[in-house]
């Protein structure tokens, strides 16, 4: 979509798509980081409490 918008000189659409893709990528990264911490913190040594 980004390449097609660039070829057609639709720069507003190109930047909107780029920003949307960036926000979606950040949200997916945060979701999987949170989910990984919730599921695997008990089993991984980095999630163990430091006493």
PDB file of N, CA and C in Angstrom:
ATOM      1  N   UNK A   1       0.829  -1.186   0.000  1.00  0.00           N
ATOM      2  CA  UNK A   1       0.000   0.000   0.000  1.00  0.00           C
ATOM      3  C   UNK A   1       0.872   1.247   0.000  1.00  0.00           C
ATOM      4  N   UNK A   2       1.959   1.185   0.741  1.00  0.00           N
ATOM      5  CA  UNK A   2       2.869   2.337   0.787  1.00  0.00           C
ATOM      6  C   UNK A   2       3.498   2.571  -0.584  1.00  0.00           C
ATOM      7  N   UNK A   3       3.940   1.507  -1.218  1.00  0.00           N
ATOM      8  CA  UNK A   3       4.587   1.644  -2.531  1.00  0.00           C
ATOM      9  C   UNK A   3       3.584   2.123  -3.574  1.00  0.00           C
ATOM     10  N   UNK A   4       2.362   1.581  -3.550  1.00  0.00           N
ATOM     11  CA  UNK A   4       1.345   2.026  -4.499  1.00  0.00           C
ATOM     12  C   UNK A   4       1.000   3.498  -4.305  1.00  0.00           C
ATOM     13  N   UNK A   5       0.916   3.941  -3.064  1.00  0.00           N
ATOM     14  CA  UNK A   5       0.619   5.346  -2.799  1.00  0.00           C
ATOM     15  C   UNK A   5       1.768   6.235  -3.275  1.00  0.00           C
ATOM     16  N   UNK A   6       2.992   5.769  -3.115  1.00  0.00           N
ATOM     17  CA  UNK A   6       4.145   6.548  -3.573  1.00  0.00           C
ATOM     18  C   UNK A   6       4.160   6.646  -5.090  1.00  0.00           C
ATOM     19  N   UNK A   7       3.872   5.547  -5.773  1.00  0.00           N
ATOM     20  CA  UNK A   7       3.865   5.554  -7.235  1.00  0.00           C
ATOM     21  C   UNK A   7       2.791   6.494  -7.774  1.00  0.00           C
ATOM     22  N   UNK A   8       1.633   6.521  -7.107  1.00  0.00           N
ATOM     23  CA  UNK A   8       0.514   7.366  -7.551  1.00  0.00           C
ATOM     24  C   UNK A   8       0.596   8.785  -7.007  1.00  0.00           C
ATOM     25  N   UNK A   9       1.689   9.152  -6.339  1.00  0.00           N
ATOM     26  CA  UNK A   9       1.899  10.479  -5.757  1.00  0.00           C
ATOM     27  C   UNK A   9       0.815  10.850  -4.738  1.00  0.00           C
ATOM     28  N   UNK A  10       0.353   9.856  -4.000  1.00  0.00           N
ATOM     29  CA  UNK A  10      -0.620  10.085  -2.923  1.00  0.00           C
ATOM     30  C   UNK A  10       0.164  10.098  -1.606  1.00  0.00           C
ATOM     31  N   UNK A  11       0.872  11.187  -1.388  1.00  0.00           N
ATOM     32  CA  UNK A  11       1.776  11.239  -0.249  1.00  0.00           C
ATOM     33  C   UNK A  11       1.038  11.252   1.086  1.00  0.00           C
ATOM     34  N   UNK A  12      -0.154  11.851   1.129  1.00  0.00           N
ATOM     35  CA  UNK A  12      -0.918  11.842   2.383  1.00  0.00           C
ATOM     36  C   UNK A  12      -1.288  10.416   2.764  1.00  0.00           C
ATOM     37  N   UNK A  13      -1.727   9.627   1.774  1.00  0.00           N
ATOM     38  CA  UNK A  13      -2.076   8.236   2.025  1.00  0.00           C
ATOM     39  C   UNK A  13      -0.836   7.432   2.399  1.00  0.00           C
ATOM     40  N   UNK A  14       0.282   7.719   1.773  1.00  0.00           N
ATOM     41  CA  UNK A  14       1.512   7.013   2.063  1.00  0.00           C
ATOM     42  C   UNK A  14       1.938   7.251   3.510  1.00  0.00           C
ATOM     43  N   UNK A  15       1.916   8.490   3.962  1.00  0.00           N
ATOM     44  CA  UNK A  15       2.316   8.787   5.334  1.00  0.00           C
ATOM     45  C   UNK A  15       1.306   8.253   6.341  1.00  0.00           C
ATOM     46  N   UNK A  16       0.024   8.299   6.010  1.00  0.00           N
ATOM     47  CA  UNK A  16      -0.987   7.738   6.908  1.00  0.00           C
ATOM     48  C   UNK A  16      -0.798   6.232   7.065  1.00  0.00           C
ATOM     49  N   UNK A  17      -0.502   5.559   5.964  1.00  0.00           N
ATOM     50  CA  UNK A  17      -0.251   4.123   6.020  1.00  0.00           C
ATOM     51  C   UNK A  17       1.004   3.821   6.819  1.00  0.00           C
ATOM     52  N   UNK A  18       2.029   4.616   6.642  1.00  0.00           N
ATOM     53  CA  UNK A  18       3.276   4.425   7.378  1.00  0.00           C
ATOM     54  C   UNK A  18       3.068   4.611   8.879  1.00  0.00           C
ATOM     55  N   UNK A  19       2.348   5.635   9.253  1.00  0.00           N
ATOM     56  CA  UNK A  19       2.080   5.893  10.669  1.00  0.00           C
ATOM     57  C   UNK A  19       1.212   4.786  11.258  1.00  0.00           C
ATOM     58  N   UNK A  20       0.198   4.342  10.509  1.00  0.00           N
ATOM     59  CA  UNK A  20      -0.665   3.261  10.976  1.00  0.00           C
ATOM     60  C   UNK A  20       0.122   1.968  11.156  1.00  0.00           C
ATOM     61  N   UNK A  21       0.975   1.646  10.204  1.00  0.00           N
ATOM     62  CA  UNK A  21       1.781   0.434  10.310  1.00  0.00           C
ATOM     63  C   UNK A  21       2.740   0.511  11.492  1.00  0.00           C
ATOM     64  N   UNK A  22       3.303   1.684  11.725  1.00  0.00           N
ATOM     65  CA  UNK A  22       4.210   1.863  12.855  1.00  0.00           C
ATOM     66  C   UNK A  22       3.475   1.686  14.180  1.00  0.00           C
ATOM     67  N   UNK A  23       2.315   2.300  14.309  1.00  0.00           N
ATOM     68  CA  UNK A  23       1.534   2.180  15.545  1.00  0.00           C
ATOM     69  C   UNK A  23       1.092   0.738  15.775  1.00  0.00           C
ATOM     70  N   UNK A  24       0.675   0.064  14.717  1.00  0.00           N
ATOM     71  CA  UNK A  24       0.275  -1.330  14.839  1.00  0.00           C
ATOM     72  C   UNK A  24       1.452  -2.196  15.263  1.00  0.00           C
ATOM     73  N   UNK A  25       2.618  -1.947  14.709  1.00  0.00           N
ATOM     74  CA  UNK A  25       3.811  -2.710  15.077  1.00  0.00           C
ATOM     75  C   UNK A  25       4.179  -2.511  16.537  1.00  0.00           C
ATOM     76  N   UNK A  26       4.111  -1.285  17.006  1.00  0.00           N
ATOM     77  CA  UNK A  26       4.423  -1.001  18.413  1.00  0.00           C
ATOM     78  C   UNK A  26       3.411  -1.675  19.324  1.00  0.00           C
ATOM     79  N   UNK A  27       2.134  -1.632  18.960  1.00  0.00           N
ATOM     80  CA  UNK A  27       1.097  -2.276  19.775  1.00  0.00           C
ATOM     81  C   UNK A  27       1.285  -3.784  19.834  1.00  0.00           C
ATOM     82  N   UNK A  28       1.616  -4.404  18.722  1.00  0.00           N
ATOM     83  CA  UNK A  28       1.849  -5.854  18.700  1.00  0.00           C
ATOM     84  C   UNK A  28       3.070  -6.199  19.552  1.00  0.00           C
ATOM     85  N   UNK A  29       4.124  -5.384  19.461  1.00  0.00           N
ATOM     86  CA  UNK A  29       5.319  -5.621  20.269  1.00  0.00           C
ATOM     87  C   UNK A  29       4.988  -5.533  21.759  1.00  0.00           C
ATOM     88  N   UNK A  30       4.247  -4.508  22.160  1.00  0.00           N
ATOM     89  CA  UNK A  30       3.876  -4.337  23.566  1.00  0.00           C
ATOM     90  C   UNK A  30       2.994  -5.492  24.025  1.00  0.00           C
ATOM     91  N   UNK A  31       2.045  -5.902  23.191  1.00  0.00           N
ATOM     92  CA  UNK A  31       1.159  -7.009  23.540  1.00  0.00           C
ATOM     93  C   UNK A  31       1.941  -8.295  23.766  1.00  0.00           C
ATOM     94  N   UNK A  32       2.843  -8.639  22.861  1.00  0.00           N
ATOM     95  CA  UNK A  32       3.590  -9.886  23.006  1.00  0.00           C
ATOM     96  C   UNK A  32       4.601  -9.818  24.144  1.00  0.00           C
ATOM     97  N   UNK A  33       5.157  -8.650  24.418  1.00  0.00           N
ATOM     98  CA  UNK A  33       6.048  -8.502  25.567  1.00  0.00           C
ATOM     99  C   UNK A  33       5.280  -8.716  26.864  1.00  0.00           C
ATOM    100  N   UNK A  34       4.115  -8.084  26.966  1.00  0.00           N
ATOM    101  CA  UNK A  34       3.282  -8.242  28.158  1.00  0.00           C
ATOM    102  C   UNK A  34       2.843  -9.693  28.312  1.00  0.00           C
ATOM    103  N   UNK A  35       2.383 -10.292  27.220  1.00  0.00           N
ATOM    104  CA  UNK A  35       1.908 -11.664  27.260  1.00  0.00           C
ATOM    105  C   UNK A  35       3.043 -12.627  27.630  1.00  0.00           C
ATOM    106  N   UNK A  36       4.220 -12.407  27.071  1.00  0.00           N
ATOM    107  CA  UNK A  36       5.364 -13.246  27.409  1.00  0.00           C
ATOM    108  C   UNK A  36       5.742 -13.128  28.872  1.00  0.00           C
ATOM    109  N   UNK A  37       5.709 -11.925  29.397  1.00  0.00           N
ATOM    110  CA  UNK A  37       6.020 -11.737  30.818  1.00  0.00           C
ATOM    111  C   UNK A  37       4.982 -12.402  31.709  1.00  0.00           C
ATOM    112  N   UNK A  38       3.716 -12.319  31.319  1.00  0.00           N
ATOM    113  CA  UNK A  38       2.654 -12.939  32.110  1.00  0.00           C
ATOM    114  C   UNK A  38       2.748 -14.466  32.087  1.00  0.00           C
ATOM    115  N   UNK A  39       3.099 -15.032  30.943  1.00  0.00           N
ATOM    116  CA  UNK A  39       3.095 -16.482  30.809  1.00  0.00           C
ATOM    117  C   UNK A  39       4.381 -17.140  31.288  1.00  0.00           C
ATOM    118  N   UNK A  40       5.524 -16.504  31.075  1.00  0.00           N
ATOM    119  CA  UNK A  40       6.793 -17.185  31.278  1.00  0.00           C
ATOM    120  C   UNK A  40       7.656 -16.609  32.404  1.00  0.00           C
ATOM    121  N   UNK A  41       7.188 -15.612  33.119  1.00  0.00           N
ATOM    122  CA  UNK A  41       8.008 -14.992  34.161  1.00  0.00           C
ATOM    123  C   UNK A  41       8.331 -15.975  35.287  1.00  0.00           C
ATOM    124  N   UNK A  42       7.423 -16.871  35.591  1.00  0.00           N
ATOM    125  CA  UNK A  42       7.651 -17.828  36.684  1.00  0.00           C
ATOM    126  C   UNK A  42       8.719 -18.854  36.319  1.00  0.00           C
ATOM    127  N   UNK A  43       8.866 -19.161  35.046  1.00  0.00           N
ATOM    128  CA  UNK A  43       9.783 -20.203  34.611  1.00  0.00           C
ATOM    129  C   UNK A  43      11.154 -19.686  34.211  1.00  0.00           C
ATOM    130  N   UNK A  44      11.250 -18.420  33.889  1.00  0.00           N
ATOM    131  CA  UNK A  44      12.528 -17.880  33.405  1.00  0.00           C
ATOM    132  C   UNK A  44      13.261 -17.227  34.548  1.00  0.00           C
ATOM    133  N   UNK A  45      14.577 -17.354  34.561  1.00  0.00           N
ATOM    134  CA  UNK A  45      15.378 -16.831  35.673  1.00  0.00           C
ATOM    135  C   UNK A  45      15.298 -15.311  35.802  1.00  0.00           C
ATOM    136  N   UNK A  46      15.049 -14.585  34.680  1.00  0.00           N
ATOM    137  CA  UNK A  46      14.964 -13.124  34.764  1.00  0.00           C
ATOM    138  C   UNK A  46      13.678 -12.686  35.468  1.00  0.00           C
ATOM    139  N   UNK A  47      12.680 -13.552  35.542  1.00  0.00           N
ATOM    140  CA  UNK A  47      11.425 -13.215  36.206  1.00  0.00           C
ATOM    141  C   UNK A  47      11.400 -13.590  37.669  1.00  0.00           C
ATOM    142  N   UNK A  48      12.390 -14.320  38.131  1.00  0.00           N
ATOM    143  CA  UNK A  48      12.446 -14.746  39.527  1.00  0.00           C
ATOM    144  C   UNK A  48      12.797 -13.546  40.416  1.00  0.00           C
ATOM    145  N   UNK A  49      12.263 -13.551  41.620  1.00  0.00           N
ATOM    146  CA  UNK A  49      12.560 -12.449  42.550  1.00  0.00           C
ATOM    147  C   UNK A  49      13.994 -12.564  43.042  1.00  0.00           C
ATOM    148  N   UNK A  50      14.624 -11.423  43.209  1.00  0.00           N
ATOM    149  CA  UNK A  50      16.025 -11.359  43.636  1.00  0.00           C
ATOM    150  C   UNK A  50      16.076 -11.198  45.142  1.00  0.00           C
ATOM    151  N   UNK A  51      16.223 -12.295  45.901  1.00  0.00           N
ATOM    152  CA  UNK A  51      16.315 -12.234  47.365  1.00  0.00           C
ATOM    153  C   UNK A  51      17.722 -12.467  47.814  1.00  0.00           C
TER     154      UNK A  51
END
